[in-house]
Amino acid sequence: MFKDRTEAASLLADRLLRYVGQSPLILAIPRGAAPMGVVLAQKLGGEFDVVLVHKLCAPFQPELAIGAVDESGHATLAPHAASVGATPSWITAEKNRQLKVLQQRRRLYSPWRKPLPLHNRVVIVVDDGLATGATMVAALTAARREQPARLVCAIPVASSEALALIQPMCDEAVCLSVPSLFQAVGQFYQDFPQVSDDEVAQCLQQPGLFAPCSPQSAKTSASRSSAASASLAASRG
């Protein structure tokens, strides 16, 4: 049981200290892992960014993932997708719906700069836990396409099935706990609040974790973020 995401991130950092001095790029999966990514970047002397992926939901079962999509539109599907009623037309519509959410999030999270390049870098993808592993599969797939020098998956807790699913997709998987009984990620944290989109945007403004934006970009970023936040909120309504 972890006290909160900050404690979990600190424990993960202790297991990743060999990457200090290699300027690792920490990619957090929003929203929950964003505060964890900041902690890892600070402790490992790396840079911080987010990797935008979103689960694809099963028909009439919004909590059941049938796969995930990244912000380029590339989707990965779980083997059980068809068995829970996900037809090709449903998958296309669901992918397009979640892709719009990812595009809105990118405009909100970092309107003043492009995503940091991954090529030939040590890249550490972090999430606060893995239940099915579908979202992490999409994140690792997206990261691998950019040819990092080393791709690491870092999670505090995972189901045994999810860990087995993602291990072949990375060069190293660091997982602190694999409980025999796994129902939801939140059961392994004493304090597990929702992380808002505004909090993710604030994490991406932490000084020293990425190259500074230009003065003109900085001047306009607040107004762009406000507009994107309003648009994202409206899309959920």
Protein backbone atom coordinates (compact mmCIF):
# COMPACT_ATOMS: atom_id res chain seq x y z
CA MET A 1 0.00 0.00 0.00
CA PHE A 2 1.39 3.40 -1.03
CA LYS A 3 0.64 6.56 0.89
CA ASP A 4 0.08 8.55 -2.31
CA ARG A 5 1.45 9.05 -5.81
CA THR A 6 4.37 11.13 -4.52
CA GLU A 7 5.60 8.30 -2.30
CA ALA A 8 5.15 5.79 -5.12
CA ALA A 9 7.16 8.00 -7.49
CA SER A 10 9.95 8.41 -4.94
CA LEU A 11 10.19 4.65 -4.51
CA LEU A 12 10.30 4.20 -8.28
CA ALA A 13 13.06 6.80 -8.52
CA ASP A 14 15.14 4.79 -6.05
CA ARG A 15 14.94 1.84 -8.45
CA LEU A 16 15.94 3.99 -11.42
CA LEU A 17 18.96 5.81 -10.01
CA ARG A 18 21.27 4.19 -12.59
CA TYR A 19 19.81 6.61 -15.15
CA VAL A 20 21.02 9.69 -13.28
CA GLY A 21 23.49 11.49 -15.53
CA GLN A 22 21.90 10.13 -18.73
CA SER A 23 19.30 12.92 -19.02
CA PRO A 24 16.35 10.53 -19.21
CA LEU A 25 13.07 11.73 -20.66
CA ILE A 26 10.20 10.94 -18.31
CA LEU A 27 6.90 10.46 -20.14
CA ALA A 28 3.85 10.39 -17.87
CA ILE A 29 0.47 9.06 -18.91
CA PRO A 30 -2.09 11.72 -17.94
CA ARG A 31 -3.73 12.41 -15.90
CA GLY A 32 -2.83 10.49 -12.75
CA ALA A 33 0.84 9.93 -13.52
CA ALA A 34 1.70 13.56 -14.30
CA PRO A 35 2.66 14.50 -10.70
CA MET A 36 4.69 11.30 -10.52
CA GLY A 37 6.55 12.23 -13.68
CA VAL A 38 7.63 15.53 -12.15
CA VAL A 39 9.06 13.71 -9.11
CA LEU A 40 10.96 11.24 -11.30
CA ALA A 41 12.38 13.96 -13.55
CA GLN A 42 13.55 15.97 -10.56
CA LYS A 43 15.17 13.00 -8.78
CA LEU A 44 16.78 11.55 -11.91
CA GLY A 45 17.91 14.86 -13.41
CA GLY A 46 15.81 14.34 -16.51
CA GLU A 47 13.24 16.11 -18.64
CA PHE A 48 9.49 15.72 -18.31
CA ASP A 49 6.67 15.44 -20.82
CA VAL A 50 3.43 13.54 -21.25
CA VAL A 51 2.54 10.78 -23.69
CA LEU A 52 -1.06 11.19 -24.74
CA VAL A 53 -3.03 7.98 -25.03
CA HIS A 54 -6.62 7.19 -24.13
CA LYS A 55 -8.40 3.93 -23.57
CA LEU A 56 -11.08 2.81 -26.01
CA CYS A 57 -14.25 1.87 -24.16
CA ALA A 58 -16.43 -1.18 -24.74
CA PRO A 59 -20.03 -0.61 -25.88
CA PHE A 60 -22.25 0.19 -22.89
CA GLN A 61 -19.31 -0.50 -20.52
CA PRO A 62 -17.30 2.74 -20.25
CA GLU A 63 -15.01 1.30 -17.55
CA LEU A 64 -13.98 -1.69 -19.68
CA ALA A 65 -11.03 -1.01 -21.99
CA ILE A 66 -10.96 -2.72 -25.37
CA GLY A 67 -7.72 -1.02 -26.39
CA ALA A 68 -6.23 2.46 -26.59
CA VAL A 69 -5.38 5.18 -29.10
CA ASP A 70 -2.45 7.62 -29.18
CA GLU A 71 -2.52 11.21 -30.39
CA SER A 72 -1.30 10.23 -33.86
CA GLY A 73 -4.47 8.15 -34.28
CA HIS A 74 -2.73 4.78 -34.00
CA ALA A 75 -4.94 2.32 -32.09
CA THR A 76 -4.11 -0.95 -30.35
CA LEU A 77 -6.91 -3.41 -29.61
CA ALA A 78 -7.23 -5.98 -26.84
CA PRO A 79 -7.91 -9.61 -27.84
CA HIS A 80 -11.32 -9.48 -26.12
CA ALA A 81 -12.60 -6.46 -28.07
CA ALA A 82 -14.89 -8.38 -30.43
CA SER A 83 -16.23 -10.63 -27.67
CA VAL A 84 -17.69 -7.65 -25.77
CA GLY A 85 -19.51 -6.26 -28.81
CA ALA A 86 -16.92 -3.89 -30.26
CA THR A 87 -17.74 -3.96 -33.97
CA PRO A 88 -15.46 -2.29 -36.55
CA SER A 89 -17.87 0.65 -36.81
CA TRP A 90 -17.95 1.05 -33.02
CA ILE A 91 -14.16 0.95 -32.83
CA THR A 92 -13.83 3.62 -35.53
CA ALA A 93 -16.34 5.92 -33.84
CA GLU A 94 -14.79 5.38 -30.41
CA LYS A 95 -11.29 5.98 -31.75
CA ASN A 96 -12.35 9.25 -33.37
CA ARG A 97 -14.10 10.38 -30.19
CA GLN A 98 -11.08 9.73 -27.97
CA LEU A 99 -8.69 11.21 -30.53
CA LYS A 100 -10.55 14.53 -30.27
CA VAL A 101 -10.09 14.42 -26.49
CA LEU A 102 -6.34 13.85 -26.92
CA GLN A 103 -6.04 16.73 -29.35
CA GLN A 104 -7.84 19.04 -26.92
CA ARG A 105 -5.59 17.88 -24.09
CA ARG A 106 -2.44 18.62 -26.07
CA ARG A 107 -3.68 22.16 -26.73
CA LEU A 108 -4.35 22.57 -23.02
CA TYR A 109 -1.25 20.90 -21.64
CA SER A 110 1.50 22.42 -23.78
CA PRO A 111 0.17 25.04 -26.19
CA TRP A 112 3.54 26.81 -26.36
CA ARG A 113 5.78 23.93 -27.45
CA LYS A 114 5.86 20.66 -29.35
CA PRO A 115 6.28 17.28 -27.62
CA LEU A 116 9.91 16.58 -26.74
CA PRO A 117 11.77 14.29 -29.19
CA LEU A 118 12.41 10.71 -28.09
CA HIS A 119 14.92 9.57 -30.70
CA ASN A 120 18.11 8.05 -29.28
CA ARG A 121 17.22 8.93 -25.67
CA VAL A 122 16.56 6.96 -22.52
CA VAL A 123 12.78 7.19 -22.23
CA ILE A 124 10.93 6.19 -19.05
CA VAL A 125 7.15 5.85 -19.38
CA VAL A 126 5.34 6.06 -16.04
CA ASP A 127 1.79 5.45 -14.89
CA ASP A 128 0.29 5.16 -11.42
CA GLY A 129 -0.67 1.53 -11.98
CA LEU A 130 -1.74 -1.05 -14.55
CA ALA A 131 -5.03 -2.92 -14.40
CA THR A 132 -5.46 -4.23 -17.95
CA GLY A 133 -2.31 -2.64 -19.39
CA ALA A 134 -4.14 -1.40 -22.52
CA THR A 135 -3.18 2.25 -22.07
CA MET A 136 0.47 1.43 -21.34
CA VAL A 137 0.61 -0.79 -24.44
CA ALA A 138 -0.46 2.19 -26.55
CA ALA A 139 2.02 4.49 -24.80
CA LEU A 140 4.95 2.11 -25.28
CA THR A 141 3.97 1.49 -28.90
CA ALA A 142 3.87 5.24 -29.58
CA ALA A 143 7.22 5.75 -27.86
CA ARG A 144 8.92 2.86 -29.65
CA ARG A 145 8.01 4.30 -33.05
CA GLU A 146 10.33 7.24 -32.30
CA GLN A 147 13.29 4.90 -31.76
CA PRO A 148 14.51 5.73 -28.24
CA ALA A 149 17.90 4.35 -27.22
CA ARG A 150 16.26 2.57 -24.28
CA LEU A 151 12.59 2.27 -23.38
CA VAL A 152 11.68 1.71 -19.75
CA CYS A 153 8.23 1.17 -18.22
CA ALA A 154 7.92 2.27 -14.58
CA ILE A 155 4.84 1.52 -12.49
CA PRO A 156 4.26 1.17 -8.76
CA VAL A 157 1.70 -1.61 -9.05
CA ALA A 158 0.29 -3.89 -11.74
CA SER A 159 -1.80 -6.97 -12.19
CA SER A 160 0.24 -10.00 -13.20
CA GLU A 161 -1.62 -10.15 -16.53
CA ALA A 162 -0.89 -6.50 -17.35
CA LEU A 163 2.77 -6.82 -16.42
CA ALA A 164 3.17 -9.88 -18.63
CA LEU A 165 1.50 -7.97 -21.47
CA ILE A 166 3.81 -4.96 -21.40
CA GLN A 167 7.15 -6.61 -20.58
CA PRO A 168 7.93 -7.67 -24.18
CA MET A 169 7.22 -4.12 -25.37
CA CYS A 170 10.00 -2.37 -23.45
CA ASP A 171 13.66 -2.89 -22.69
CA GLU A 172 13.01 -2.87 -18.96
CA ALA A 173 9.92 -2.96 -16.76
CA VAL A 174 10.24 -1.68 -13.18
CA CYS A 175 7.24 -2.62 -11.05
CA LEU A 176 7.24 -2.35 -7.25
CA SER A 177 4.27 -4.60 -6.51
CA VAL A 178 2.32 -7.35 -8.28
CA PRO A 179 -0.57 -8.24 -5.92
CA SER A 180 -2.31 -11.57 -6.30
CA LEU A 181 -5.73 -9.93 -5.89
CA PHE A 182 -6.12 -6.91 -8.15
CA GLN A 183 -9.39 -5.07 -8.65
CA ALA A 184 -8.44 -1.45 -9.29
CA VAL A 185 -5.32 0.70 -9.09
CA GLY A 186 -6.80 2.94 -6.40
CA GLN A 187 -7.06 0.11 -3.86
CA PHE A 188 -3.27 0.19 -3.45
CA TYR A 189 -3.11 3.86 -2.41
CA GLN A 190 -4.20 5.41 0.87
CA ASP A 191 -4.73 8.75 -0.88
CA PHE A 192 -5.69 8.55 -4.56
CA PRO A 193 -7.45 11.75 -5.68
CA GLN A 194 -8.39 12.52 -9.25
CA VAL A 195 -5.84 14.66 -11.10
CA SER A 196 -7.37 17.48 -13.13
CA ASP A 197 -6.35 18.68 -16.58
CA ASP A 198 -5.28 21.99 -15.05
CA GLU A 199 -2.98 20.14 -12.65
CA VAL A 200 -1.36 18.33 -15.58
CA ALA A 201 -0.80 21.66 -17.33
CA GLN A 202 0.79 23.01 -14.15
CA CYS A 203 3.10 19.99 -13.97
CA LEU A 204 4.29 20.80 -17.49
CA GLN A 205 5.21 24.31 -16.36
CA GLN A 206 7.62 23.16 -13.65
CA PRO A 207 10.92 25.05 -14.12
CA GLY A 208 13.98 23.16 -15.22
CA LEU A 209 12.20 20.08 -16.59
CA PHE A 210 12.19 21.10 -20.26
CA ALA A 211 13.59 23.78 -22.56
CA PRO A 212 11.98 27.18 -21.87
CA CYS A 213 9.46 28.52 -24.36
CA SER A 214 9.96 31.74 -26.25
CA PRO A 215 8.80 35.04 -24.65
CA GLN A 216 6.00 35.42 -27.20
CA SER A 217 4.83 31.84 -26.63
CA ALA A 218 4.90 32.34 -22.87
CA LYS A 219 2.84 35.51 -23.26
CA THR A 220 0.07 33.73 -25.14
CA SER A 221 0.13 30.34 -23.40
CA ALA A 222 -2.22 31.36 -20.58
CA SER A 223 -4.99 32.51 -22.91
CA ARG A 224 -4.60 29.42 -25.11
CA SER A 225 -4.70 27.11 -22.11
CA SER A 226 -7.86 28.80 -20.85
CA ALA A 227 -9.59 28.35 -24.20
CA ALA A 228 -8.48 24.71 -24.49
CA SER A 229 -9.61 23.97 -20.93
CA ALA A 230 -13.07 25.36 -21.69
CA SER A 231 -13.26 23.29 -24.89
CA LEU A 232 -12.22 20.10 -23.10
CA ALA A 233 -14.75 20.68 -20.32
CA ALA A 234 -17.47 21.22 -22.93
CA SER A 235 -16.56 17.97 -24.71
CA ARG A 236 -17.17 16.05 -21.50
CA GLY A 237 -20.56 17.57 -20.98
